[in-house]
Amino acid sequence: MVTFAIGILPKEFGNSASAAYPTYRPPVSIIVGKFLPKDDEIPETPVKGDRTPSMRIPVTISMDWVEISGVDSNDILTYGIYDLDGGCMGIFNDAPSFTDIFFSLSGEYELRFTTDEYLYIGYVEL
């Protein structure tokens, strides 16, 4: 008896999944805090390990999109990647540009997603 598992790959891999499989990265899930920006300034961000506001919001990042629970993806204005010291590594205006860089990284990062009303901040280790 032979037992094996079958995975479902995204549509963009077409009929040649075996050749494309090495480039596939599964979605990454993180939790972010939700903050009210003050006077268009980025609020003081928590240090990794500090408590953040009790409202925790799940975020899923795939190779092509970013989904923040309860937020229309069209409302996300910027996608930011920062090192843990708060140094900006890149701010992107669309999800594909962000995810291209995001999935090429390794290490720990702070992510910031902005909308007209809120700033969402979370941490990820890749």
N, C-alpha and C. Protein backbone atom coordinates (compact mmCIF):
# COMPACT_ATOMS: atom_id res chain seq x y z
N MET A 1 0.84 -1.17 0.00
CA MET A 1 0.00 0.00 0.00
C MET A 1 0.89 1.24 0.00
N VAL A 2 0.54 2.19 -0.83
CA VAL A 2 1.27 3.45 -0.90
C VAL A 2 0.34 4.55 -0.43
N THR A 3 0.82 5.38 0.48
CA THR A 3 0.03 6.50 0.98
C THR A 3 0.74 7.78 0.62
N PHE A 4 0.01 8.76 0.13
CA PHE A 4 0.62 10.03 -0.20
C PHE A 4 -0.41 11.12 -0.01
N ALA A 5 0.09 12.35 0.04
CA ALA A 5 -0.79 13.50 0.20
C ALA A 5 -0.75 14.32 -1.08
N ILE A 6 -1.87 14.90 -1.40
CA ILE A 6 -1.96 15.76 -2.58
C ILE A 6 -2.19 17.17 -2.09
N GLY A 7 -1.38 18.10 -2.57
CA GLY A 7 -1.57 19.51 -2.22
C GLY A 7 -2.21 20.23 -3.38
N ILE A 8 -2.93 21.26 -3.08
CA ILE A 8 -3.55 22.08 -4.11
C ILE A 8 -2.71 23.32 -4.27
N LEU A 9 -2.23 23.55 -5.50
CA LEU A 9 -1.42 24.72 -5.78
C LEU A 9 -2.27 25.80 -6.43
N PRO A 10 -1.87 27.06 -6.28
CA PRO A 10 -2.61 28.14 -6.92
C PRO A 10 -2.69 27.95 -8.43
N LYS A 11 -3.73 28.54 -9.04
CA LYS A 11 -4.01 28.41 -10.45
C LYS A 11 -2.85 28.81 -11.35
N GLU A 12 -2.05 29.80 -10.91
CA GLU A 12 -0.99 30.29 -11.77
C GLU A 12 0.07 29.24 -12.09
N PHE A 13 0.07 28.11 -11.41
CA PHE A 13 1.04 27.06 -11.68
C PHE A 13 0.63 26.21 -12.88
N GLY A 14 -0.60 26.34 -13.35
CA GLY A 14 -1.06 25.64 -14.54
C GLY A 14 -0.87 24.13 -14.43
N ASN A 15 -0.57 23.49 -15.56
CA ASN A 15 -0.42 22.05 -15.60
C ASN A 15 0.98 21.58 -15.24
N SER A 16 1.91 22.51 -15.07
CA SER A 16 3.29 22.13 -14.77
C SER A 16 3.63 22.45 -13.33
N ALA A 17 2.88 21.88 -12.40
CA ALA A 17 3.06 22.18 -10.98
C ALA A 17 4.42 21.76 -10.46
N SER A 18 4.95 20.64 -10.95
CA SER A 18 6.22 20.17 -10.41
C SER A 18 7.35 21.15 -10.71
N ALA A 19 7.34 21.80 -11.84
CA ALA A 19 8.39 22.76 -12.16
C ALA A 19 8.22 24.05 -11.36
N ALA A 20 6.98 24.42 -11.07
CA ALA A 20 6.72 25.67 -10.37
C ALA A 20 6.71 25.52 -8.86
N TYR A 21 6.55 24.32 -8.36
CA TYR A 21 6.38 24.11 -6.93
C TYR A 21 7.47 24.74 -6.07
N PRO A 22 8.75 24.70 -6.46
CA PRO A 22 9.77 25.28 -5.59
C PRO A 22 9.58 26.78 -5.33
N THR A 23 8.86 27.50 -6.19
CA THR A 23 8.65 28.93 -5.98
C THR A 23 7.42 29.22 -5.14
N TYR A 24 6.62 28.22 -4.85
CA TYR A 24 5.40 28.44 -4.06
C TYR A 24 5.73 28.67 -2.60
N ARG A 25 5.13 29.68 -1.99
CA ARG A 25 5.28 29.94 -0.55
C ARG A 25 3.88 29.94 0.04
N PRO A 26 3.63 29.17 1.08
CA PRO A 26 2.30 29.17 1.68
C PRO A 26 2.00 30.52 2.33
N PRO A 27 0.71 30.87 2.49
CA PRO A 27 0.35 32.13 3.13
C PRO A 27 0.89 32.21 4.55
N VAL A 28 1.17 33.41 5.00
CA VAL A 28 1.66 33.68 6.35
C VAL A 28 0.54 34.38 7.11
N SER A 29 0.28 33.96 8.34
CA SER A 29 -0.74 34.60 9.16
C SER A 29 -0.08 35.28 10.35
N ILE A 30 -0.51 36.51 10.64
CA ILE A 30 -0.02 37.24 11.79
C ILE A 30 -1.21 37.91 12.47
N ILE A 31 -0.98 38.46 13.65
CA ILE A 31 -1.98 39.25 14.36
C ILE A 31 -1.44 40.66 14.45
N VAL A 32 -2.30 41.65 14.18
CA VAL A 32 -1.87 43.05 14.25
C VAL A 32 -2.70 43.79 15.29
N GLY A 33 -2.17 44.90 15.77
CA GLY A 33 -2.90 45.82 16.62
C GLY A 33 -3.46 46.94 15.75
N LYS A 34 -4.55 47.53 16.19
CA LYS A 34 -5.22 48.58 15.41
C LYS A 34 -5.06 49.90 16.16
N PHE A 35 -4.53 50.92 15.49
CA PHE A 35 -4.24 52.20 16.12
C PHE A 35 -4.89 53.32 15.35
N LEU A 36 -5.26 54.39 16.07
CA LEU A 36 -5.78 55.60 15.43
C LEU A 36 -4.62 56.54 15.19
N PRO A 37 -4.32 56.86 13.94
CA PRO A 37 -3.26 57.83 13.69
C PRO A 37 -3.66 59.20 14.22
N LYS A 38 -2.70 59.96 14.74
CA LYS A 38 -2.98 61.30 15.26
C LYS A 38 -2.33 62.33 14.35
N ASP A 39 -3.13 63.23 13.82
CA ASP A 39 -2.62 64.30 12.97
C ASP A 39 -1.72 63.77 11.86
N ASP A 40 -2.12 62.69 11.22
CA ASP A 40 -1.38 62.09 10.12
C ASP A 40 0.02 61.63 10.50
N GLU A 41 0.31 61.49 11.79
CA GLU A 41 1.60 60.98 12.22
C GLU A 41 1.45 59.51 12.58
N ILE A 42 2.52 58.77 12.43
CA ILE A 42 2.49 57.38 12.86
C ILE A 42 2.59 57.39 14.37
N PRO A 43 1.64 56.75 15.06
CA PRO A 43 1.70 56.73 16.52
C PRO A 43 2.91 55.94 17.00
N GLU A 44 3.31 56.20 18.25
CA GLU A 44 4.43 55.45 18.81
C GLU A 44 4.08 53.96 18.76
N THR A 45 4.95 53.19 18.17
CA THR A 45 4.67 51.77 18.01
C THR A 45 5.20 50.99 19.20
N PRO A 46 4.53 49.90 19.55
CA PRO A 46 4.99 49.12 20.69
C PRO A 46 6.30 48.42 20.37
N VAL A 47 7.09 48.20 21.38
CA VAL A 47 8.31 47.43 21.25
C VAL A 47 7.90 45.96 21.25
N LYS A 48 8.59 45.15 20.46
CA LYS A 48 8.24 43.73 20.40
C LYS A 48 8.22 43.16 21.82
N GLY A 49 7.14 42.50 22.17
CA GLY A 49 6.98 41.92 23.49
C GLY A 49 6.12 42.76 24.41
N ASP A 50 5.96 44.07 24.11
CA ASP A 50 5.09 44.91 24.92
C ASP A 50 3.64 44.57 24.63
N ARG A 51 2.77 44.91 25.57
CA ARG A 51 1.34 44.72 25.34
C ARG A 51 0.85 45.73 24.33
N THR A 52 -0.05 45.31 23.50
CA THR A 52 -0.70 46.20 22.55
C THR A 52 -2.18 46.26 22.91
N PRO A 53 -2.93 47.15 22.30
CA PRO A 53 -4.36 47.22 22.61
C PRO A 53 -5.04 45.86 22.46
N SER A 54 -6.11 45.67 23.19
CA SER A 54 -6.76 44.36 23.24
C SER A 54 -7.39 43.93 21.92
N MET A 55 -7.65 44.87 21.02
CA MET A 55 -8.24 44.48 19.74
C MET A 55 -7.17 43.84 18.87
N ARG A 56 -7.26 42.56 18.70
CA ARG A 56 -6.30 41.80 17.89
C ARG A 56 -6.98 41.43 16.58
N ILE A 57 -6.31 41.65 15.47
CA ILE A 57 -6.92 41.45 14.16
C ILE A 57 -6.04 40.51 13.34
N PRO A 58 -6.62 39.41 12.86
CA PRO A 58 -5.82 38.49 12.04
C PRO A 58 -5.57 39.04 10.64
N VAL A 59 -4.36 38.76 10.15
CA VAL A 59 -3.96 39.17 8.80
C VAL A 59 -3.36 37.94 8.11
N THR A 60 -3.73 37.73 6.87
CA THR A 60 -3.15 36.65 6.07
C THR A 60 -2.46 37.27 4.88
N ILE A 61 -1.21 36.84 4.65
CA ILE A 61 -0.42 37.37 3.54
C ILE A 61 -0.09 36.19 2.62
N SER A 62 -0.58 36.25 1.39
CA SER A 62 -0.26 35.21 0.41
C SER A 62 0.70 35.81 -0.60
N MET A 63 1.06 35.05 -1.61
CA MET A 63 2.00 35.56 -2.61
C MET A 63 1.41 36.68 -3.47
N ASP A 64 0.07 36.82 -3.49
CA ASP A 64 -0.56 37.81 -4.35
C ASP A 64 -1.43 38.84 -3.64
N TRP A 65 -1.74 38.62 -2.38
CA TRP A 65 -2.68 39.50 -1.70
C TRP A 65 -2.43 39.55 -0.20
N VAL A 66 -3.02 40.56 0.43
CA VAL A 66 -3.00 40.72 1.87
C VAL A 66 -4.44 40.87 2.32
N GLU A 67 -4.84 40.10 3.31
CA GLU A 67 -6.21 40.17 3.82
C GLU A 67 -6.17 40.51 5.31
N ILE A 68 -6.75 41.67 5.65
CA ILE A 68 -6.90 42.07 7.04
C ILE A 68 -8.36 41.85 7.40
N SER A 69 -8.60 41.05 8.42
CA SER A 69 -9.97 40.71 8.80
C SER A 69 -10.78 41.98 9.05
N GLY A 70 -11.92 42.08 8.38
CA GLY A 70 -12.82 43.21 8.56
C GLY A 70 -12.45 44.45 7.76
N VAL A 71 -11.42 44.36 6.90
CA VAL A 71 -10.99 45.52 6.11
C VAL A 71 -11.06 45.15 4.63
N ASP A 72 -11.71 46.00 3.85
CA ASP A 72 -11.75 45.80 2.40
C ASP A 72 -10.34 46.00 1.87
N SER A 73 -9.83 45.08 1.08
CA SER A 73 -8.45 45.18 0.59
C SER A 73 -8.23 46.45 -0.24
N ASN A 74 -9.27 46.98 -0.85
CA ASN A 74 -9.14 48.23 -1.61
C ASN A 74 -8.91 49.44 -0.70
N ASP A 75 -9.18 49.29 0.60
CA ASP A 75 -8.99 50.39 1.55
C ASP A 75 -7.56 50.48 2.07
N ILE A 76 -6.73 49.48 1.80
CA ILE A 76 -5.34 49.52 2.27
C ILE A 76 -4.56 50.47 1.36
N LEU A 77 -4.01 51.53 1.96
CA LEU A 77 -3.30 52.55 1.19
C LEU A 77 -1.82 52.21 1.04
N THR A 78 -1.19 51.74 2.12
CA THR A 78 0.23 51.40 2.05
C THR A 78 0.52 50.13 2.83
N TYR A 79 1.56 49.45 2.40
CA TYR A 79 2.05 48.22 3.01
C TYR A 79 3.51 48.48 3.36
N GLY A 80 3.86 48.48 4.66
CA GLY A 80 5.22 48.82 5.05
C GLY A 80 5.94 47.68 5.72
N ILE A 81 7.24 47.59 5.46
CA ILE A 81 8.11 46.61 6.11
C ILE A 81 9.19 47.40 6.84
N TYR A 82 9.36 47.10 8.14
CA TYR A 82 10.33 47.79 8.98
C TYR A 82 11.17 46.77 9.72
N ASP A 83 12.43 47.15 10.02
CA ASP A 83 13.22 46.27 10.87
C ASP A 83 12.75 46.48 12.32
N LEU A 84 13.25 45.69 13.24
CA LEU A 84 12.75 45.76 14.61
C LEU A 84 13.19 47.02 15.35
N ASP A 85 14.10 47.78 14.76
CA ASP A 85 14.51 49.07 15.34
C ASP A 85 13.66 50.22 14.79
N GLY A 86 12.70 49.90 13.93
CA GLY A 86 11.82 50.92 13.35
C GLY A 86 12.33 51.51 12.06
N GLY A 87 13.44 50.98 11.54
CA GLY A 87 13.96 51.47 10.27
C GLY A 87 13.13 50.98 9.10
N CYS A 88 12.72 51.91 8.25
CA CYS A 88 11.87 51.56 7.11
C CYS A 88 12.68 50.82 6.05
N MET A 89 12.20 49.65 5.68
CA MET A 89 12.84 48.86 4.63
C MET A 89 12.11 49.02 3.30
N GLY A 90 10.86 49.45 3.36
CA GLY A 90 10.09 49.66 2.14
C GLY A 90 8.64 49.94 2.44
N ILE A 91 8.06 50.86 1.69
CA ILE A 91 6.62 51.15 1.76
C ILE A 91 6.08 50.99 0.34
N PHE A 92 5.02 50.21 0.22
CA PHE A 92 4.48 49.85 -1.09
C PHE A 92 3.03 50.29 -1.20
N ASN A 93 2.62 50.64 -2.42
CA ASN A 93 1.25 51.10 -2.67
C ASN A 93 0.31 50.00 -3.12
N ASP A 94 0.83 48.80 -3.33
CA ASP A 94 -0.05 47.70 -3.75
C ASP A 94 0.47 46.39 -3.16
N ALA A 95 -0.44 45.44 -3.02
CA ALA A 95 -0.11 44.15 -2.40
C ALA A 95 0.93 43.36 -3.19
N PRO A 96 0.83 43.24 -4.52
CA PRO A 96 1.84 42.45 -5.23
C PRO A 96 3.27 42.95 -5.05
N SER A 97 3.47 44.27 -5.04
CA SER A 97 4.81 44.82 -4.83
C SER A 97 5.31 44.46 -3.43
N PHE A 98 4.42 44.59 -2.44
CA PHE A 98 4.75 44.25 -1.06
C PHE A 98 5.10 42.76 -0.92
N THR A 99 4.25 41.89 -1.46
CA THR A 99 4.47 40.46 -1.27
C THR A 99 5.70 39.95 -2.02
N ASP A 100 6.05 40.57 -3.15
CA ASP A 100 7.27 40.19 -3.86
C ASP A 100 8.48 40.32 -2.94
N ILE A 101 8.56 41.43 -2.24
CA ILE A 101 9.68 41.66 -1.32
C ILE A 101 9.51 40.83 -0.05
N PHE A 102 8.31 40.82 0.51
CA PHE A 102 8.02 40.12 1.77
C PHE A 102 8.47 38.66 1.72
N PHE A 103 8.12 37.95 0.64
CA PHE A 103 8.44 36.53 0.57
C PHE A 103 9.90 36.26 0.18
N SER A 104 10.66 37.31 -0.08
CA SER A 104 12.09 37.11 -0.34
C SER A 104 12.93 37.32 0.92
N LEU A 105 12.28 37.76 2.01
CA LEU A 105 12.99 38.08 3.25
C LEU A 105 13.12 36.88 4.17
N SER A 106 14.05 36.98 5.10
CA SER A 106 14.12 36.05 6.23
C SER A 106 14.51 36.89 7.44
N GLY A 107 14.04 36.48 8.61
CA GLY A 107 14.31 37.23 9.83
C GLY A 107 13.03 37.74 10.44
N GLU A 108 13.16 38.71 11.36
CA GLU A 108 12.01 39.28 12.06
C GLU A 108 11.76 40.71 11.57
N TYR A 109 10.49 41.03 11.38
CA TYR A 109 10.13 42.33 10.84
C TYR A 109 8.86 42.85 11.48
N GLU A 110 8.71 44.17 11.43
CA GLU A 110 7.47 44.83 11.81
C GLU A 110 6.76 45.18 10.52
N LEU A 111 5.47 44.91 10.45
CA LEU A 111 4.66 45.24 9.27
C LEU A 111 3.66 46.31 9.65
N ARG A 112 3.47 47.27 8.77
CA ARG A 112 2.49 48.34 9.00
C ARG A 112 1.62 48.46 7.77
N PHE A 113 0.31 48.40 7.99
CA PHE A 113 -0.67 48.56 6.92
C PHE A 113 -1.51 49.79 7.26
N THR A 114 -1.63 50.73 6.34
CA THR A 114 -2.40 51.93 6.62
C THR A 114 -3.66 51.99 5.77
N THR A 115 -4.72 52.52 6.39
CA THR A 115 -5.95 52.86 5.69
C THR A 115 -6.22 54.32 6.01
N ASP A 116 -7.30 54.87 5.48
CA ASP A 116 -7.65 56.26 5.80
C ASP A 116 -7.89 56.45 7.29
N GLU A 117 -8.39 55.41 7.97
CA GLU A 117 -8.80 55.55 9.36
C GLU A 117 -7.84 54.95 10.38
N TYR A 118 -7.08 53.91 10.01
CA TYR A 118 -6.29 53.20 11.00
C TYR A 118 -4.91 52.83 10.48
N LEU A 119 -4.05 52.55 11.44
CA LEU A 119 -2.74 51.98 11.17
C LEU A 119 -2.72 50.62 11.86
N TYR A 120 -2.41 49.57 11.12
CA TYR A 120 -2.36 48.21 11.65
C TYR A 120 -0.89 47.81 11.74
N ILE A 121 -0.46 47.40 12.93
CA ILE A 121 0.94 47.06 13.16
C ILE A 121 1.04 45.65 13.72
N GLY A 122 1.94 44.84 13.15
CA GLY A 122 2.17 43.50 13.64
C GLY A 122 3.62 43.07 13.38
N TYR A 123 3.97 41.94 13.93
CA TYR A 123 5.34 41.41 13.80
C TYR A 123 5.30 40.04 13.17
N VAL A 124 6.35 39.72 12.43
CA VAL A 124 6.43 38.43 11.76
C VAL A 124 7.88 37.96 11.80
N GLU A 125 8.04 36.63 11.91
CA GLU A 125 9.35 36.02 11.77
C GLU A 125 9.28 35.08 10.60
N LEU A 126 10.15 35.29 9.62
CA LEU A 126 10.16 34.48 8.40
C LEU A 126 11.35 33.55 8.40
